[in-house]
Amino acid sequence: MGRTVKRAWLAGGLGVLLLLGGAGVAGAEEKFKYQYEFESIRIPRLDADEPKLPEVSVQRALDFLDQGATAWSRGHKCVTCHTNGSYMALRPALTKPLGQPAGELRDFFGKVLREGTARLGQERKLGDSQMIYLARGLAEWDAHVSGTLSDDTRQALKQLFERQLPTGEWKAALCWPPLESSAFQEATVAALAVGTAPGWLAGLTDEGLKAGVKRLQDYLRRVEPPHDYGRVVLLWASAKLDGLLEEGEKERIIEMIWSKQRADGGWALRAFAEPEQWGEGNRAEKLRAEKEFADPPSDGHQTGLALIALREAGVSARDPRVQKGVRWLLSNQRESGRWWTRSLNTDNYHFIAFSGTLYPLVALHLCDALPLNTRASAKVP
């Protein structure tokens, strides 16, 4: 019958696999057994059937995030949107309630900036995505951890705008939606970097960089988002960088988000774009074949993101609809510390569960609902 796999979830957080006798598993199952694996770090892949925790464990979530981002950086030695890029973009914002993020990740971003940016975008046709997430991560670290603009962030933003296209966006990666999904979506990440870097925009004297920021603002005002997911991230970016949305547009996006809230209080990633609208549309057949296609369930990524965008846009944390979303997050963390989100791309690793865990933590923090049952700086092997 194949080897039996038993999950034992440690009190400190991460799951380990106890492999108990029997015949070997199928080759494909063995290949995709771990979501993250490097030396002593082994994080089992996530699946929809993992049991839920009776209450949120912040420590388990942090253990997963710290170790997953570390394993990726040490093993792959690149900046990627779905793991260490998301870590540096979001984890610094939790410094005040949960302690400082892993300094190793900040050091890694600085090293990539100084040693490898000339090569960024040359591998796997990733365009300028890695440079965009590099700049965003460094800006967030400065804003929430060090409290001051660093030379690394200045250099990252300078290099970012040197790569900008005359039309205001960047060469986009379309390979891994939703985080590498369109030029528009990636331009919102750049806008978040610009608007977050402490003092950078206010202190700009370089006319070329000023022109680049204006091109970015004009692009996000002029170009229609490719899907509703793009509208959500535009709403978020508009809270950090002025001039992206008129008040009427802002209210229309907020109403769109409310219209997609599910009865259980959460939101479903798949409800924010047609299958053909994700990336180059080559996932459409896979997405339409999913058994839940007609009624996709709420997930951690989109529920967290929707609440972040709403709160950043000024919606009250006391709004009953916000509180309904908060209750969904508090009720749906899995035993490994993750929130389940099914990948748009393949059913092998579900890397989207990484942002799908960060977004809930940030959302709970912004909604004054983060359980403060831990406060510890990052610990990794």
Protein backbone atom coordinates (compact mmCIF):
# COMPACT_ATOMS: atom_id res chain seq x y z
CA MET A 1 0.00 0.00 0.00
CA GLY A 2 2.98 2.32 0.01
CA ARG A 3 4.71 3.89 2.92
CA THR A 4 2.63 5.44 5.66
CA VAL A 5 3.48 9.03 6.49
CA LYS A 6 2.66 10.39 9.90
CA ARG A 7 2.95 14.12 10.66
CA ALA A 8 4.02 15.11 14.13
CA TRP A 9 3.71 18.82 14.74
CA LEU A 10 6.20 20.08 17.30
CA ALA A 11 5.14 22.51 19.99
CA GLY A 12 7.69 24.99 18.73
CA GLY A 13 6.21 25.11 15.29
CA LEU A 14 7.39 23.23 12.23
CA GLY A 15 6.23 19.82 11.20
CA VAL A 16 8.62 16.94 10.73
CA LEU A 17 7.96 13.71 8.95
CA LEU A 18 8.13 10.40 10.70
CA LEU A 19 8.41 7.80 8.00
CA LEU A 20 7.17 4.48 9.19
CA GLY A 21 8.21 1.27 7.40
CA GLY A 22 6.57 -0.23 4.37
CA ALA A 23 7.28 -0.02 0.69
CA GLY A 24 8.59 3.09 -1.02
CA VAL A 25 6.23 5.82 -2.17
CA ALA A 26 5.77 6.72 -5.79
CA GLY A 27 8.60 8.69 -7.35
CA ALA A 28 6.53 11.81 -7.87
CA GLU A 29 5.37 11.84 -4.25
CA GLU A 30 8.95 11.45 -3.06
CA LYS A 31 10.13 14.29 -5.28
CA PHE A 32 7.54 16.74 -3.99
CA LYS A 33 7.60 15.59 -0.36
CA TYR A 34 9.06 18.83 1.00
CA GLN A 35 7.93 22.34 0.31
CA TYR A 36 11.33 23.60 1.47
CA GLU A 37 14.43 21.51 1.97
CA PHE A 38 18.02 22.52 2.63
CA GLU A 39 20.43 20.71 4.93
CA SER A 40 18.69 20.40 8.31
CA ILE A 41 15.63 22.41 7.21
CA ARG A 42 12.85 20.15 5.93
CA ILE A 43 9.34 21.54 5.70
CA PRO A 44 6.69 19.10 4.44
CA ARG A 45 4.57 20.13 1.49
CA LEU A 46 1.18 21.53 2.41
CA ASP A 47 -2.14 20.03 1.44
CA ALA A 48 -5.76 21.01 1.80
CA ASP A 49 -6.47 18.23 4.31
CA GLU A 50 -3.99 19.31 6.99
CA PRO A 51 -5.88 19.75 10.29
CA LYS A 52 -6.65 23.21 11.61
CA LEU A 53 -5.41 24.58 14.92
CA PRO A 54 -8.01 25.34 17.60
CA GLU A 55 -6.41 28.77 18.02
CA VAL A 56 -3.79 30.76 16.14
CA SER A 57 -0.16 30.00 16.93
CA VAL A 58 1.99 32.94 15.87
CA GLN A 59 5.13 31.02 16.81
CA ARG A 60 4.36 28.18 14.41
CA ALA A 61 3.77 30.67 11.62
CA LEU A 62 7.03 32.47 12.34
CA ASP A 63 8.99 29.22 12.47
CA PHE A 64 7.66 28.27 9.05
CA LEU A 65 8.38 31.68 7.55
CA ASP A 66 11.87 32.10 9.01
CA GLN A 67 13.01 28.63 8.07
CA GLY A 68 11.34 28.57 4.66
CA ALA A 69 12.92 31.87 3.61
CA THR A 70 16.29 30.78 4.95
CA ALA A 71 16.17 27.43 3.17
CA TRP A 72 15.29 29.11 -0.12
CA SER A 73 18.03 31.74 0.16
CA ARG A 74 20.72 29.26 1.16
CA GLY A 75 19.70 26.65 -1.36
CA HIS A 76 18.69 28.68 -4.41
CA LYS A 77 20.74 31.83 -3.80
CA CYS A 78 18.25 34.10 -5.55
CA VAL A 79 15.49 36.54 -4.70
CA THR A 80 12.09 35.08 -5.53
CA CYS A 81 8.69 36.67 -5.16
CA HIS A 82 6.98 33.70 -3.54
CA THR A 83 9.39 33.13 -0.64
CA ASN A 84 12.26 35.40 0.44
CA GLY A 85 10.84 38.25 -1.67
CA SER A 86 7.55 37.99 0.20
CA TYR A 87 9.39 37.56 3.51
CA MET A 88 11.32 40.82 3.13
CA ALA A 89 8.29 42.64 1.73
CA LEU A 90 6.02 41.73 4.66
CA ARG A 91 7.81 40.32 7.70
CA PRO A 92 9.51 43.65 8.63
CA ALA A 93 6.06 45.20 9.18
CA LEU A 94 5.60 42.76 12.08
CA THR A 95 8.76 43.86 13.89
CA LYS A 96 6.99 45.90 16.55
CA PRO A 97 4.58 43.19 17.74
CA LEU A 98 6.69 40.11 16.98
CA GLY A 99 10.35 41.07 17.10
CA GLN A 100 12.98 41.57 14.43
CA PRO A 101 13.01 39.40 11.27
CA ALA A 102 15.92 37.14 10.38
CA GLY A 103 19.00 39.32 9.89
CA GLU A 104 20.45 36.68 7.60
CA LEU A 105 17.76 37.51 5.05
CA ARG A 106 18.63 41.21 5.14
CA ASP A 107 22.31 40.34 4.71
CA PHE A 108 21.44 38.10 1.77
CA PHE A 109 19.51 40.89 0.04
CA GLY A 110 22.45 43.24 0.52
CA LYS A 111 24.84 40.66 -0.91
CA VAL A 112 22.64 40.06 -3.95
CA LEU A 113 22.45 43.81 -4.51
CA ARG A 114 26.20 44.31 -4.35
CA GLU A 115 27.28 41.17 -6.20
CA GLY A 116 24.53 40.02 -8.46
CA THR A 117 22.15 42.68 -9.73
CA ALA A 118 23.79 42.79 -13.15
CA ARG A 119 22.63 39.20 -13.62
CA LEU A 120 19.13 39.65 -12.23
CA GLY A 121 16.51 38.95 -14.84
CA GLN A 122 18.74 36.81 -17.02
CA GLU A 123 17.60 33.49 -15.54
CA ARG A 124 14.29 31.83 -16.51
CA LYS A 125 13.07 34.98 -18.29
CA LEU A 126 12.23 36.62 -14.99
CA GLY A 127 12.48 40.12 -16.34
CA ASP A 128 13.00 42.73 -13.64
CA SER A 129 10.95 40.93 -11.00
CA GLN A 130 13.88 40.10 -8.75
CA MET A 131 15.10 43.71 -8.82
CA ILE A 132 11.61 44.95 -7.92
CA TYR A 133 11.28 42.57 -4.95
CA LEU A 134 14.85 43.33 -3.89
CA ALA A 135 14.11 47.05 -3.71
CA ARG A 136 10.80 46.46 -1.93
CA GLY A 137 12.36 44.21 0.70
CA LEU A 138 15.19 46.61 1.49
CA ALA A 139 12.76 49.54 1.70
CA GLU A 140 10.51 47.65 4.12
CA TRP A 141 13.47 46.73 6.31
CA ASP A 142 14.50 50.37 6.53
CA ALA A 143 10.97 51.49 7.32
CA HIS A 144 10.22 48.96 10.05
CA VAL A 145 13.50 47.62 11.41
CA SER A 146 16.39 50.07 11.11
CA GLY A 147 14.19 53.17 10.92
CA THR A 148 16.50 54.95 8.50
CA LEU A 149 17.16 54.90 4.77
CA SER A 150 20.18 52.75 3.95
CA ASP A 151 22.71 53.09 1.15
CA ASP A 152 21.60 49.65 -0.07
CA THR A 153 18.02 50.84 -0.51
CA ARG A 154 19.14 54.01 -2.29
CA GLN A 155 21.24 51.90 -4.65
CA ALA A 156 18.45 49.36 -5.21
CA LEU A 157 15.93 52.07 -6.11
CA LYS A 158 18.45 53.76 -8.39
CA GLN A 159 19.12 50.51 -10.22
CA LEU A 160 15.42 49.77 -10.36
CA PHE A 161 14.63 53.01 -12.17
CA GLU A 162 17.58 52.55 -14.50
CA ARG A 163 15.74 49.44 -15.74
CA GLN A 164 12.37 51.17 -16.10
CA LEU A 165 10.80 51.14 -19.56
CA PRO A 166 9.92 54.49 -21.16
CA THR A 167 6.24 53.67 -20.67
CA GLY A 168 6.66 53.60 -16.88
CA GLU A 169 6.60 49.86 -16.09
CA TRP A 170 9.28 47.17 -16.10
CA LYS A 171 9.96 44.03 -18.11
CA ALA A 172 7.53 41.69 -16.40
CA ALA A 173 7.66 38.07 -15.43
CA LEU A 174 4.46 36.24 -16.33
CA CYS A 175 5.58 32.84 -15.12
CA TRP A 176 4.30 32.49 -11.55
CA PRO A 177 0.99 34.23 -10.90
CA PRO A 178 -0.24 35.92 -8.84
CA LEU A 179 3.04 37.40 -7.55
CA GLU A 180 4.70 37.40 -10.96
CA SER A 181 1.62 37.83 -13.07
CA SER A 182 1.73 41.05 -15.11
CA ALA A 183 3.68 44.24 -15.66
CA PHE A 184 0.88 46.08 -13.88
CA GLN A 185 1.02 43.95 -10.74
CA GLU A 186 4.80 44.26 -10.54
CA ALA A 187 4.58 48.04 -10.99
CA THR A 188 2.42 48.14 -7.84
CA VAL A 189 5.23 46.35 -5.96
CA ALA A 190 7.66 49.01 -7.19
CA ALA A 191 5.22 51.71 -6.05
CA LEU A 192 5.10 50.13 -2.59
CA ALA A 193 8.91 50.20 -2.48
CA VAL A 194 9.01 53.87 -3.48
CA GLY A 195 6.32 54.87 -1.02
CA THR A 196 7.75 52.86 1.88
CA ALA A 197 11.48 53.73 1.73
CA PRO A 198 11.79 56.23 4.60
CA GLY A 199 12.59 59.72 3.35
CA TRP A 200 13.66 58.59 -0.13
CA LEU A 201 10.92 60.25 -2.14
CA ALA A 202 10.82 63.44 -0.08
CA GLY A 203 14.59 63.82 -0.36
CA LEU A 204 14.90 63.20 -4.10
CA THR A 205 17.07 65.71 -5.93
CA ASP A 206 18.00 63.58 -8.94
CA GLU A 207 15.82 64.78 -11.81
CA GLY A 208 16.09 61.46 -13.61
CA LEU A 209 14.73 59.58 -10.60
CA LYS A 210 11.97 62.14 -10.15
CA ALA A 211 10.99 61.60 -13.76
CA GLY A 212 11.02 57.85 -13.22
CA VAL A 213 8.65 58.10 -10.27
CA LYS A 214 6.32 60.28 -12.32
CA ARG A 215 6.38 57.75 -15.17
CA LEU A 216 5.43 55.05 -12.67
CA GLN A 217 2.56 57.12 -11.28
CA ASP A 218 1.34 57.97 -14.78
CA TYR A 219 1.49 54.32 -15.82
CA LEU A 220 -0.59 53.12 -12.85
CA ARG A 221 -3.13 55.90 -13.45
CA ARG A 222 -3.32 55.35 -17.20
CA VAL A 223 -3.32 51.56 -17.60
CA GLU A 224 -6.38 49.49 -16.80
CA PRO A 225 -5.57 46.69 -14.31
CA PRO A 226 -5.59 43.29 -16.04
CA HIS A 227 -7.95 41.80 -13.46
CA ASP A 228 -9.54 42.43 -10.08
CA TYR A 229 -6.46 41.10 -8.32
CA GLY A 230 -4.54 43.95 -9.96
CA ARG A 231 -7.14 46.39 -8.60
CA VAL A 232 -6.62 45.10 -5.06
CA VAL A 233 -2.85 45.60 -5.16
CA LEU A 234 -3.35 49.00 -6.82
CA LEU A 235 -5.54 50.02 -3.88
CA TRP A 236 -2.78 48.94 -1.50
CA ALA A 237 -0.08 50.79 -3.45
CA SER A 238 -2.19 53.94 -3.56
CA ALA A 239 -2.05 54.09 0.24
CA LYS A 240 1.76 54.38 0.07
CA LEU A 241 2.32 56.44 -3.10
CA ASP A 242 0.11 59.44 -3.82
CA GLY A 243 -1.61 60.13 -7.10
CA LEU A 244 -2.54 56.63 -8.21
CA LEU A 245 -6.32 56.67 -7.65
CA GLU A 246 -9.10 59.20 -7.66
CA GLU A 247 -11.49 58.98 -4.72
CA GLY A 248 -14.26 57.53 -6.87
CA GLU A 249 -11.93 54.82 -8.19
CA LYS A 250 -10.84 53.97 -4.67
CA GLU A 251 -14.41 53.50 -3.51
CA ARG A 252 -15.25 51.33 -6.52
CA ILE A 253 -12.35 48.97 -5.75
CA ILE A 254 -13.39 48.76 -2.10
CA GLU A 255 -16.93 47.85 -3.14
CA MET A 256 -15.57 45.23 -5.55
CA ILE A 257 -13.63 43.63 -2.71
CA TRP A 258 -16.74 43.56 -0.50
CA SER A 259 -18.77 42.02 -3.32
CA LYS A 260 -16.37 39.06 -3.44
CA GLN A 261 -16.37 38.30 0.29
CA ARG A 262 -17.65 34.79 0.85
CA ALA A 263 -20.31 33.75 3.33
CA ASP A 264 -17.66 32.34 5.68
CA GLY A 265 -15.95 35.74 5.85
CA GLY A 266 -12.94 34.97 3.68
CA TRP A 267 -11.95 35.68 0.10
CA ALA A 268 -10.87 33.30 -2.69
CA LEU A 269 -7.85 34.10 -4.85
CA ARG A 270 -9.46 32.43 -7.85
CA ALA A 271 -12.44 34.81 -7.73
CA PHE A 272 -10.25 37.79 -8.64
CA ALA A 273 -9.39 36.86 -12.23
CA GLU A 274 -10.57 34.60 -15.00
CA PRO A 275 -8.26 31.61 -15.58
CA GLU A 276 -7.04 33.12 -18.86
CA GLN A 277 -6.06 36.36 -17.11
CA TRP A 278 -3.39 34.86 -14.86
CA GLY A 279 0.07 35.36 -16.38
CA GLU A 280 0.08 34.26 -20.00
CA GLY A 281 -3.15 32.31 -19.61
CA ASN A 282 -1.43 28.94 -19.87
CA ARG A 283 -2.88 27.80 -16.52
CA ALA A 284 -6.47 28.11 -17.73
CA GLU A 285 -7.01 24.44 -18.53
CA LYS A 286 -5.65 23.37 -15.15
CA LEU A 287 -7.72 25.93 -13.28
CA ARG A 288 -10.96 25.14 -15.11
CA ALA A 289 -10.46 21.44 -14.37
CA GLU A 290 -10.33 21.96 -10.59
CA LYS A 291 -13.29 20.40 -8.84
CA GLU A 292 -13.92 23.64 -6.92
CA PHE A 293 -13.71 25.84 -10.02
CA ALA A 294 -17.33 27.00 -9.87
CA ASP A 295 -17.16 27.87 -6.18
CA PRO A 296 -13.54 28.31 -5.01
CA PRO A 297 -13.06 28.30 -1.23
CA SER A 298 -11.62 31.08 0.88
CA ASP A 299 -7.82 30.99 1.24
CA GLY A 300 -5.14 32.60 3.36
CA HIS A 301 -3.46 34.59 0.60
CA GLN A 302 -6.51 36.46 -0.66
CA THR A 303 -8.23 36.86 2.70
CA GLY A 304 -5.10 38.39 4.19
CA LEU A 305 -4.46 40.57 1.14
CA ALA A 306 -8.04 41.84 0.97
CA LEU A 307 -7.96 42.86 4.64
CA ILE A 308 -4.57 44.56 4.25
CA ALA A 309 -5.77 46.57 1.25
CA LEU A 310 -8.99 47.54 2.99
CA ARG A 311 -7.27 48.64 6.18
CA GLU A 312 -4.57 50.57 4.30
CA ALA A 313 -7.35 52.30 2.35
CA GLY A 314 -8.85 53.54 5.62
CA VAL A 315 -11.62 50.99 6.26
CA SER A 316 -12.18 50.65 9.99
CA ALA A 317 -11.03 47.52 11.78
CA ARG A 318 -14.41 47.61 13.53
CA ASP A 319 -16.34 47.24 10.28
CA PRO A 320 -18.42 44.06 10.73
CA ARG A 321 -17.23 42.76 7.36
CA VAL A 322 -13.60 43.23 8.40
CA GLN A 323 -14.31 41.42 11.64
CA LYS A 324 -15.90 38.58 9.70
CA GLY A 325 -12.68 38.25 7.69
CA VAL A 326 -10.64 38.34 10.88
CA ARG A 327 -12.70 35.49 12.31
CA TRP A 328 -12.01 33.43 9.20
CA LEU A 329 -8.25 33.93 9.65
CA LEU A 330 -8.40 33.07 13.34
CA SER A 331 -10.25 29.85 12.52
CA ASN A 332 -8.25 28.53 9.57
CA GLN A 333 -4.56 28.25 10.47
CA ARG A 334 -3.22 24.74 9.93
CA GLU A 335 -1.16 22.70 12.39
CA SER A 336 2.11 23.50 10.59
CA GLY A 337 1.54 27.23 11.16
CA ARG A 338 0.52 27.86 7.56
CA TRP A 339 -2.76 28.97 6.05
CA TRP A 340 -3.81 26.88 3.08
CA THR A 341 -3.83 28.45 -0.39
CA ARG A 342 -3.83 26.27 -3.47
CA SER A 343 -1.26 27.24 -6.08
CA LEU A 344 -2.45 28.70 -9.36
CA ASN A 345 0.47 27.02 -11.10
CA THR A 346 0.93 23.40 -10.06
CA ASP A 347 -0.23 21.13 -7.27
CA ASN A 348 3.31 20.16 -6.25
CA TYR A 349 4.67 22.66 -3.72
CA HIS A 350 2.01 25.35 -3.16
CA PHE A 351 4.64 28.04 -2.56
CA ILE A 352 1.77 30.56 -2.50
CA ALA A 353 1.14 29.35 1.06
CA PHE A 354 4.18 31.43 2.05
CA SER A 355 2.55 34.77 1.20
CA GLY A 356 -0.65 33.03 2.23
CA THR A 357 0.78 32.92 5.76
CA LEU A 358 2.43 36.34 5.81
CA TYR A 359 -0.67 38.16 4.60
CA PRO A 360 -2.85 36.76 7.41
CA LEU A 361 -0.31 37.78 10.07
CA VAL A 362 -0.02 41.33 8.70
CA ALA A 363 -3.79 41.55 8.28
CA LEU A 364 -4.42 40.45 11.87
CA HIS A 365 -1.87 43.02 13.05
CA LEU A 366 -3.54 45.82 11.07
CA CYS A 367 -6.92 44.76 12.44
CA ASP A 368 -5.65 44.78 16.05
CA ALA A 369 -6.35 41.05 16.26
CA LEU A 370 -2.89 39.46 16.22
CA PRO A 371 -2.58 37.03 19.14
CA LEU A 372 0.52 38.13 20.98
CA ASN A 373 1.45 34.69 22.24
CA THR A 374 5.04 35.14 21.14
CA ARG A 375 7.63 37.83 20.79
CA ALA A 376 10.92 36.41 19.65
CA SER A 377 13.50 37.37 17.08
CA ALA A 378 13.90 34.96 14.22
CA LYS A 379 15.67 31.68 14.93
CA VAL A 380 16.89 29.46 12.14
CA PRO A 381 19.25 26.48 12.05
